[in-house]
N, C-alpha and C. Protein backbone atom coordinates (compact mmCIF):
# COMPACT_ATOMS: atom_id res chain seq x y z
N MET A 1 111.46 63.91 140.43
CA MET A 1 111.01 65.13 139.77
C MET A 1 109.58 65.48 140.15
N GLY A 2 108.78 64.50 140.56
CA GLY A 2 107.42 64.81 140.97
C GLY A 2 106.48 64.96 139.79
N ASN A 3 105.32 65.53 140.08
CA ASN A 3 104.30 65.73 139.05
C ASN A 3 104.67 66.89 138.14
N LYS A 4 104.40 66.72 136.87
CA LYS A 4 104.67 67.78 135.91
C LYS A 4 103.47 68.70 135.80
N ALA A 5 103.76 69.96 135.51
CA ALA A 5 102.70 70.93 135.28
C ALA A 5 101.97 70.57 133.98
N LYS A 6 100.75 71.02 133.84
CA LYS A 6 99.95 70.75 132.65
C LYS A 6 100.67 71.20 131.38
N SER A 7 101.31 72.37 131.44
CA SER A 7 102.03 72.88 130.26
C SER A 7 103.20 71.97 129.89
N GLN A 8 103.88 71.42 130.89
CA GLN A 8 105.01 70.53 130.62
C GLN A 8 104.53 69.21 130.03
N LYS A 9 103.39 68.70 130.51
CA LYS A 9 102.83 67.48 129.95
C LYS A 9 102.45 67.70 128.49
N SER A 10 101.88 68.87 128.22
CA SER A 10 101.50 69.21 126.85
C SER A 10 102.73 69.27 125.96
N LEU A 11 103.80 69.87 126.45
CA LEU A 11 105.04 69.97 125.68
C LEU A 11 105.62 68.58 125.42
N ASP A 12 105.57 67.72 126.43
CA ASP A 12 106.06 66.35 126.25
C ASP A 12 105.27 65.63 125.15
N GLN A 13 103.95 65.77 125.18
CA GLN A 13 103.10 65.14 124.17
C GLN A 13 103.41 65.69 122.78
N TRP A 14 103.57 67.00 122.70
CA TRP A 14 103.86 67.67 121.44
C TRP A 14 105.17 67.16 120.84
N THR A 15 106.19 66.98 121.69
CA THR A 15 107.49 66.55 121.17
C THR A 15 107.47 65.10 120.72
N LYS A 16 106.52 64.30 121.21
CA LYS A 16 106.42 62.90 120.80
C LYS A 16 105.81 62.76 119.41
N GLN A 17 105.09 63.78 118.97
CA GLN A 17 104.47 63.73 117.65
C GLN A 17 105.52 63.97 116.57
N LYS A 18 105.34 63.34 115.44
CA LYS A 18 106.23 63.54 114.29
C LYS A 18 105.67 64.70 113.48
N TRP A 19 106.30 65.87 113.58
CA TRP A 19 105.86 67.05 112.85
C TRP A 19 106.66 67.16 111.56
N THR A 20 105.97 67.50 110.47
CA THR A 20 106.61 67.57 109.16
C THR A 20 105.82 68.49 108.25
N THR A 21 106.31 68.66 107.04
CA THR A 21 105.57 69.38 105.99
C THR A 21 104.97 68.33 105.06
N ALA A 22 104.09 68.75 104.18
CA ALA A 22 103.45 67.82 103.25
C ALA A 22 104.47 67.15 102.34
N SER A 23 105.50 67.88 101.95
CA SER A 23 106.51 67.32 101.06
C SER A 23 107.59 66.57 101.80
N GLY A 24 107.68 66.78 103.12
CA GLY A 24 108.74 66.15 103.89
C GLY A 24 110.02 66.96 103.89
N LYS A 25 110.01 68.08 103.18
CA LYS A 25 111.19 68.95 103.11
C LYS A 25 111.09 70.05 104.15
N LYS A 26 112.16 70.80 104.33
CA LYS A 26 112.17 71.88 105.31
C LYS A 26 111.22 73.00 104.89
N SER A 27 110.49 73.52 105.86
CA SER A 27 109.56 74.61 105.60
C SER A 27 110.28 75.85 105.08
N SER A 28 111.50 76.07 105.55
CA SER A 28 112.25 77.24 105.10
C SER A 28 112.60 77.14 103.62
N ASP A 29 112.64 75.93 103.08
CA ASP A 29 112.92 75.73 101.65
C ASP A 29 111.65 75.77 100.81
N THR A 30 110.53 75.28 101.37
CA THR A 30 109.31 75.12 100.58
C THR A 30 108.22 76.14 100.90
N GLY A 31 108.26 76.71 102.11
CA GLY A 31 107.21 77.63 102.52
C GLY A 31 105.95 76.93 103.00
N GLU A 32 106.05 75.63 103.24
CA GLU A 32 104.89 74.86 103.68
C GLU A 32 104.74 74.95 105.20
N VAL A 33 103.52 74.67 105.68
CA VAL A 33 103.26 74.65 107.11
C VAL A 33 103.74 73.33 107.71
N TYR A 34 104.10 73.39 108.98
CA TYR A 34 104.40 72.19 109.74
C TYR A 34 103.12 71.72 110.43
N ALA A 35 102.92 70.43 110.47
CA ALA A 35 101.78 69.83 111.16
C ALA A 35 102.17 68.40 111.51
N PRO A 36 101.46 67.80 112.44
CA PRO A 36 101.74 66.39 112.74
C PRO A 36 101.56 65.52 111.49
N LYS A 37 102.41 64.53 111.34
CA LYS A 37 102.36 63.66 110.16
C LYS A 37 100.98 63.06 109.97
N LYS A 38 100.32 62.66 111.07
CA LYS A 38 98.98 62.08 110.96
C LYS A 38 98.00 63.08 110.34
N THR A 39 98.12 64.34 110.72
CA THR A 39 97.25 65.38 110.18
C THR A 39 97.52 65.58 108.69
N ILE A 40 98.78 65.67 108.33
CA ILE A 40 99.17 65.85 106.92
C ILE A 40 98.63 64.68 106.09
N ASP A 41 98.84 63.47 106.58
CA ASP A 41 98.38 62.28 105.84
C ASP A 41 96.87 62.28 105.67
N ALA A 42 96.14 62.66 106.72
CA ALA A 42 94.68 62.69 106.65
C ALA A 42 94.21 63.75 105.65
N LEU A 43 94.85 64.91 105.66
CA LEU A 43 94.47 65.99 104.73
C LEU A 43 94.75 65.61 103.28
N LYS A 44 95.82 64.90 103.05
CA LYS A 44 96.20 64.53 101.68
C LYS A 44 95.28 63.48 101.06
N LYS A 45 94.43 62.84 101.88
CA LYS A 45 93.56 61.77 101.39
C LYS A 45 92.28 62.27 100.75
N SER A 46 91.90 63.52 101.01
CA SER A 46 90.64 64.00 100.45
C SER A 46 90.85 65.29 99.67
N ARG A 47 89.93 65.55 98.77
CA ARG A 47 90.01 66.77 97.97
C ARG A 47 89.90 68.02 98.86
N SER A 48 88.95 67.99 99.81
CA SER A 48 88.78 69.14 100.69
C SER A 48 90.00 69.32 101.59
N GLY A 49 90.61 68.20 102.01
CA GLY A 49 91.82 68.27 102.82
C GLY A 49 92.98 68.87 102.05
N LYS A 50 93.09 68.49 100.80
CA LYS A 50 94.15 69.05 99.95
C LYS A 50 93.95 70.54 99.76
N LYS A 51 92.68 70.97 99.64
CA LYS A 51 92.39 72.40 99.49
C LYS A 51 92.77 73.15 100.77
N LYS A 52 92.47 72.57 101.93
CA LYS A 52 92.83 73.18 103.21
C LYS A 52 94.34 73.32 103.33
N LEU A 53 95.04 72.27 102.96
CA LEU A 53 96.49 72.28 103.03
C LEU A 53 97.09 73.31 102.08
N ALA A 54 96.55 73.39 100.88
CA ALA A 54 97.02 74.38 99.90
C ALA A 54 96.76 75.80 100.40
N ALA A 55 95.59 76.04 100.99
CA ALA A 55 95.26 77.37 101.52
C ALA A 55 96.18 77.72 102.68
N ALA A 56 96.47 76.74 103.53
CA ALA A 56 97.37 76.98 104.66
C ALA A 56 98.78 77.30 104.17
N ASN A 57 99.24 76.58 103.17
CA ASN A 57 100.57 76.84 102.60
C ASN A 57 100.63 78.22 101.95
N LYS A 58 99.56 78.61 101.29
CA LYS A 58 99.50 79.93 100.66
C LYS A 58 99.58 81.03 101.72
N ALA A 59 98.83 80.85 102.81
CA ALA A 59 98.85 81.84 103.90
C ALA A 59 100.24 81.89 104.54
N LYS A 60 100.86 80.74 104.71
CA LYS A 60 102.20 80.67 105.31
C LYS A 60 103.21 81.38 104.42
N ARG A 61 103.15 81.12 103.12
CA ARG A 61 104.09 81.77 102.20
C ARG A 61 103.90 83.28 102.17
N LYS A 62 102.64 83.72 102.22
CA LYS A 62 102.35 85.15 102.22
C LYS A 62 102.91 85.81 103.47
N ALA A 63 102.66 85.21 104.62
CA ALA A 63 103.16 85.76 105.89
C ALA A 63 104.68 85.80 105.90
N THR A 64 105.29 84.73 105.40
CA THR A 64 106.75 84.66 105.36
C THR A 64 107.31 85.75 104.45
N SER A 65 106.67 85.98 103.31
CA SER A 65 107.15 87.01 102.38
C SER A 65 107.01 88.41 102.96
N GLN A 66 106.09 88.56 103.92
CA GLN A 66 105.91 89.85 104.60
C GLN A 66 106.82 89.98 105.81
N GLY A 67 107.68 89.01 106.01
CA GLY A 67 108.63 89.06 107.11
C GLY A 67 108.09 88.61 108.45
N LYS A 68 106.93 87.97 108.44
CA LYS A 68 106.33 87.51 109.70
C LYS A 68 106.87 86.12 110.06
N GLN A 69 107.05 85.91 111.37
CA GLN A 69 107.55 84.62 111.82
C GLN A 69 106.44 83.58 111.89
N PHE A 70 105.23 84.03 112.19
CA PHE A 70 104.09 83.12 112.34
C PHE A 70 103.01 83.47 111.33
N ALA A 71 102.28 82.46 110.90
CA ALA A 71 101.19 82.66 109.95
C ALA A 71 99.89 82.14 110.54
N SER A 72 98.85 82.91 110.45
CA SER A 72 97.53 82.45 110.91
C SER A 72 96.84 81.76 109.74
N HIS A 73 97.16 80.50 109.57
CA HIS A 73 96.62 79.76 108.43
C HIS A 73 95.39 78.94 108.78
N GLY A 74 95.10 78.77 110.06
CA GLY A 74 93.88 78.09 110.47
C GLY A 74 93.94 76.58 110.45
N LEU A 75 95.02 76.00 110.07
CA LEU A 75 95.12 74.54 109.98
C LEU A 75 95.03 73.90 111.36
N HIS A 76 95.54 74.55 112.38
CA HIS A 76 95.55 73.98 113.73
C HIS A 76 94.41 74.51 114.60
N LYS A 77 93.59 75.36 114.05
CA LYS A 77 92.53 75.99 114.83
C LYS A 77 91.58 74.95 115.44
N GLY A 78 91.37 75.07 116.74
CA GLY A 78 90.45 74.19 117.43
C GLY A 78 90.98 72.79 117.68
N LYS A 79 92.24 72.57 117.43
CA LYS A 79 92.81 71.22 117.63
C LYS A 79 93.39 71.13 119.04
N ASN A 80 93.13 70.02 119.68
CA ASN A 80 93.69 69.73 120.98
C ASN A 80 94.79 68.71 120.75
N ARG A 81 96.01 69.13 120.74
CA ARG A 81 97.13 68.26 120.42
C ARG A 81 97.72 67.59 121.66
N SER A 82 97.19 67.91 122.84
CA SER A 82 97.75 67.36 124.06
C SER A 82 97.28 65.94 124.34
N GLY A 83 96.23 65.51 123.67
CA GLY A 83 95.70 64.17 123.89
C GLY A 83 94.75 64.09 125.06
N THR A 84 94.46 65.24 125.67
CA THR A 84 93.50 65.29 126.77
C THR A 84 92.28 66.07 126.34
N ALA A 85 91.22 65.91 127.08
CA ALA A 85 89.96 66.59 126.73
C ALA A 85 89.95 68.04 127.05
C-alpha cells in the first residue's frame, strides 16, 4: 500500500481513540457532545472542566434543536488529535 497521506494517518489515529459522551449513552438520546474518553474523563475531574462540558452540551442541544447537524461548542477548539505536532 505504500506511504499513507497525512489525512489518512490522521483518520487512522482518530479511529483508534475511544470517542464517547460524558454519560456513555448515545448522543442522539442525550444531546451530549462526543469527545475522546480521555478528554471527557479529564473534564469531569475539575469544576471548570465540568462547566466546559455543560456549556458544550448546551450548545450541542441548541444546535440540534435548530436542526443543525454540527454544533460549534468549542470543546475541540485548538486540539491536535492526530498525535503529531
